[in-house]
Amino acid sequence: MFSALLGPFAACGKCAEPDKIDRQALVRRHNPESRQVVDPLEPLTIGKGKFAFTADVTGLQSFPESYETGIPLSTQSQWGWHSFSNPQGYKLADAMRNYDTHGRQVPYASHQDSDVGKWLRANPHRLGLGRIGFEFAKSDGTPARQSDLKVIRQRLDLWSGELASRFLIDGEQVDVQTYCHPELDLIAVRVSSPLIAAGRLKVVFRFAYGLGEFGKAPEDWTKPAKHSTQLENISANRVRLKRTLDADKYDVDIQFTPGGQISEIAPHQFELAPAKEGKLEFVTSFAQKASDSELPNVYQAESKSGFHWTQFWKSGGAVELAGSRDPRANELEGRIVLSQYLLAVQCAGSSPPQETGLTFNSWFGKSHLEMHWWHAVHFALWNRLELLERSLGWYDQVWRRASETARLQGYKGVRWPKMVSPDGRESPSKVGVFLIWQQPHPIYYAELCYRQKPNLQTLEKYRSIVYGTADFMASYAHRDDTSKRFVLGPPLIPAQEHYDPRTTFNPTYELEYWHWALGIAREWRERLGEPPDADWDRVYAGISRLPITDGVYDTAEGMWVDTDHPSHLMAFGFLPGHLADAPVMRRTLDRVMREWQWDKTWGWDYPMTAMTAARVGEPETALAALLMDVPKNRYLANGHNHQDDRLPIYLPGNGGLLTAVAMMAAGWDGAPERHAPGFPDNGQWQVRWENLHRLP
């Protein structure tokens, strides 16, 4: 069960060293393992990009109360949403307020704290689909508590996707293997224990109402009358639980070893009493609309999981740091391996994920489009372009709403929102509606696709997204007749969210991103044999230069704010810096490293800073930033980037780490022609990599 089979596989990248990486050994030496009863920050998650199940040390969700202060135990999918009824008829127009925009009154949905604003932010909210846990009886008949679990050993085998759990209760061993099917939203479980024959082990399925409050928990367990769970017998060893929450419905199918019985023991609680043998197997499938097709059994789910994860690790990129003499190397290698797993489980669906993926809720479960870059760009760099492309079709699905926002505000094209519902409706916010740095992202994604698939099919596939995005960007930039330049804002809030939108303009990073993305859009017209767009060309040629004060770049024109994201660094790091000057950015980086309030930053700020340091030729600084010893750059044993009690996991940090490492190993456009140009060439680092792609 806990074997670690070794076997070589690799396909070397063009700049990699010739000896191949033993990928199975690389991955398995970072398998998460637990030998203690509970650490509220150490549950483990299995999933497939669109669905995830987070388990405690029993392999199920048996003791959820122990994890409420850390990472809660939940089951989530990208389709599982719920909305309360809306008798007041709240709509986004009711949250609009006008802001002066160079003499025009432009509406923004900024009325966040009104009744309509609160309702629209909270609805829809992502659901916890159900909780599956064991109930154990001790030899005296009393319920076993978590403290009664002894000699615990749990391991997540990253190579196969198996979550294997072993423990003792009253001296009796319990072995559990838990799998997630890679194609279905289905959990498969195998249990072996003398407790089964003794009638002292059962499985309980519990269901809650949706919770429309800000916070981690996606379930409301206090309103049993507000929803329904109906039991239907499909066959002798299969039942269906039909869930109804207001206008939202979904089904849960449970198939189990013959001889078992499922019964309702309380409202929304169902008990599986297995046949009194030494083994129990069951699968649980979640679906918006269940099918009567036969469900796979545990062995089939196990086989599918093993094949899926083996192919995942074999086909993507790899970085190995074994042999390095720098004491930080093993920690970094572990972060790299675990981050690849977590992002494949949490962020590889057909829509942009929330910042906490499919583990628990942040901002009501909604996605933040400025974070989509940090969640997904690494897929392209690590030779998993198909996982990035899965979510790009979503932009076509929400095109209508994005174009309506642009027209309402007097602009062309499409204006992509920030905090967004699955149908593309933005959420009222005092900050989010003024952000613009998510706007060029789709052009970046499309260009990554073209770099790996430079053909007409790619150009046609993403043409409308590139052109619609560029149309908005060109019309959003304002021509200032006094200075004879195009400016961004006001109103505007930069990626660094500590500004008054009414007075802020020309943030350094956003200016560079506007110029770069419009330049790429112009290249797409050339590739397609189409004439130039005069509006794009005017803004591209006439956009403001990056603002400088005392020899360093401002955070926004005339301003230096040293808290939150040091996003002005992204003008030459995240981006190739066509407007930026390397010596000026080097001085800016030095000042940021010396003066910034690093205790008030976020998890993706450290890899972002590392990217800038690498591009300006400071690899020692890149490693110092990437592995900076500050609270929000903490990585847990399960691989998650911890922020604070509110956000104990933060997947943009994991994605940023992988993007920075790919850049530092494989290089970037214009990088020095040496192996691993972003790592120090000091004899302390042995960097071997395969199948990585350069950053633009």
Foldseek 3Di string as FASTA:
>chain_A
DLDQDWDAFFDFDPQFDPDGDRLSVLQQVQWFKDFDLDDLADWFWFFFQFKIFTDGQQLFPAAQVRNPLHFGTFIFGNPAWDADDDVVPQDQVVQWDFFQWVNDTFIFSANCPDPSQLRQLLPTFTARAKGKHKWFAAPVRHTDDSVQWHRWMWTQSLLQRWTWIWTDGNNKIKIKIWHQFNPFNKIKMKIFILRLLVQGMKMKMAGFAADSDAFWAGGDRPCLVQKAWDWADPDQFKIKTWIGHPPATKIKMKGKDHPWDWDDPDTRMIMIRHHNDRMMIMMIGIGSYDDPDDDDTNVVSSVNSNVVSNCVSNQWKAKAFPPFQPPCRVVLSSLLSLLSSVLSRFAQAQAGFDQQGRRTDHSSGFHFLLLSCLSAVLCLQGRNLVSNVSNLVLCVQQQVVQQVSQVSRPFFFGQQFTGADSNRDHRHHNFGRQERNSLLVLLQSLVSVCVVVVDPVSLVVCVSVLVRSLRRLLRQFDQDPVVRATKHDQQHAYVQRDDHSNPFIAFQQVLLSSLVSLVSNQVSCVSVVHDGDPSSVSNNVGHDAFADDPLEGDRTHPHHDQAEASNNLCCPFVDVNPRDDLVRSVVNLVCNVVDHPVQRYALLRLLSSLRSCLRSQNLVVSVCSQCPPYQQNDADSSSFRQNDSRPGGGSSNSSSSSVSQSCQQVHAVPAPPDGSSSHDPPSRTDMGMRNGDHHD
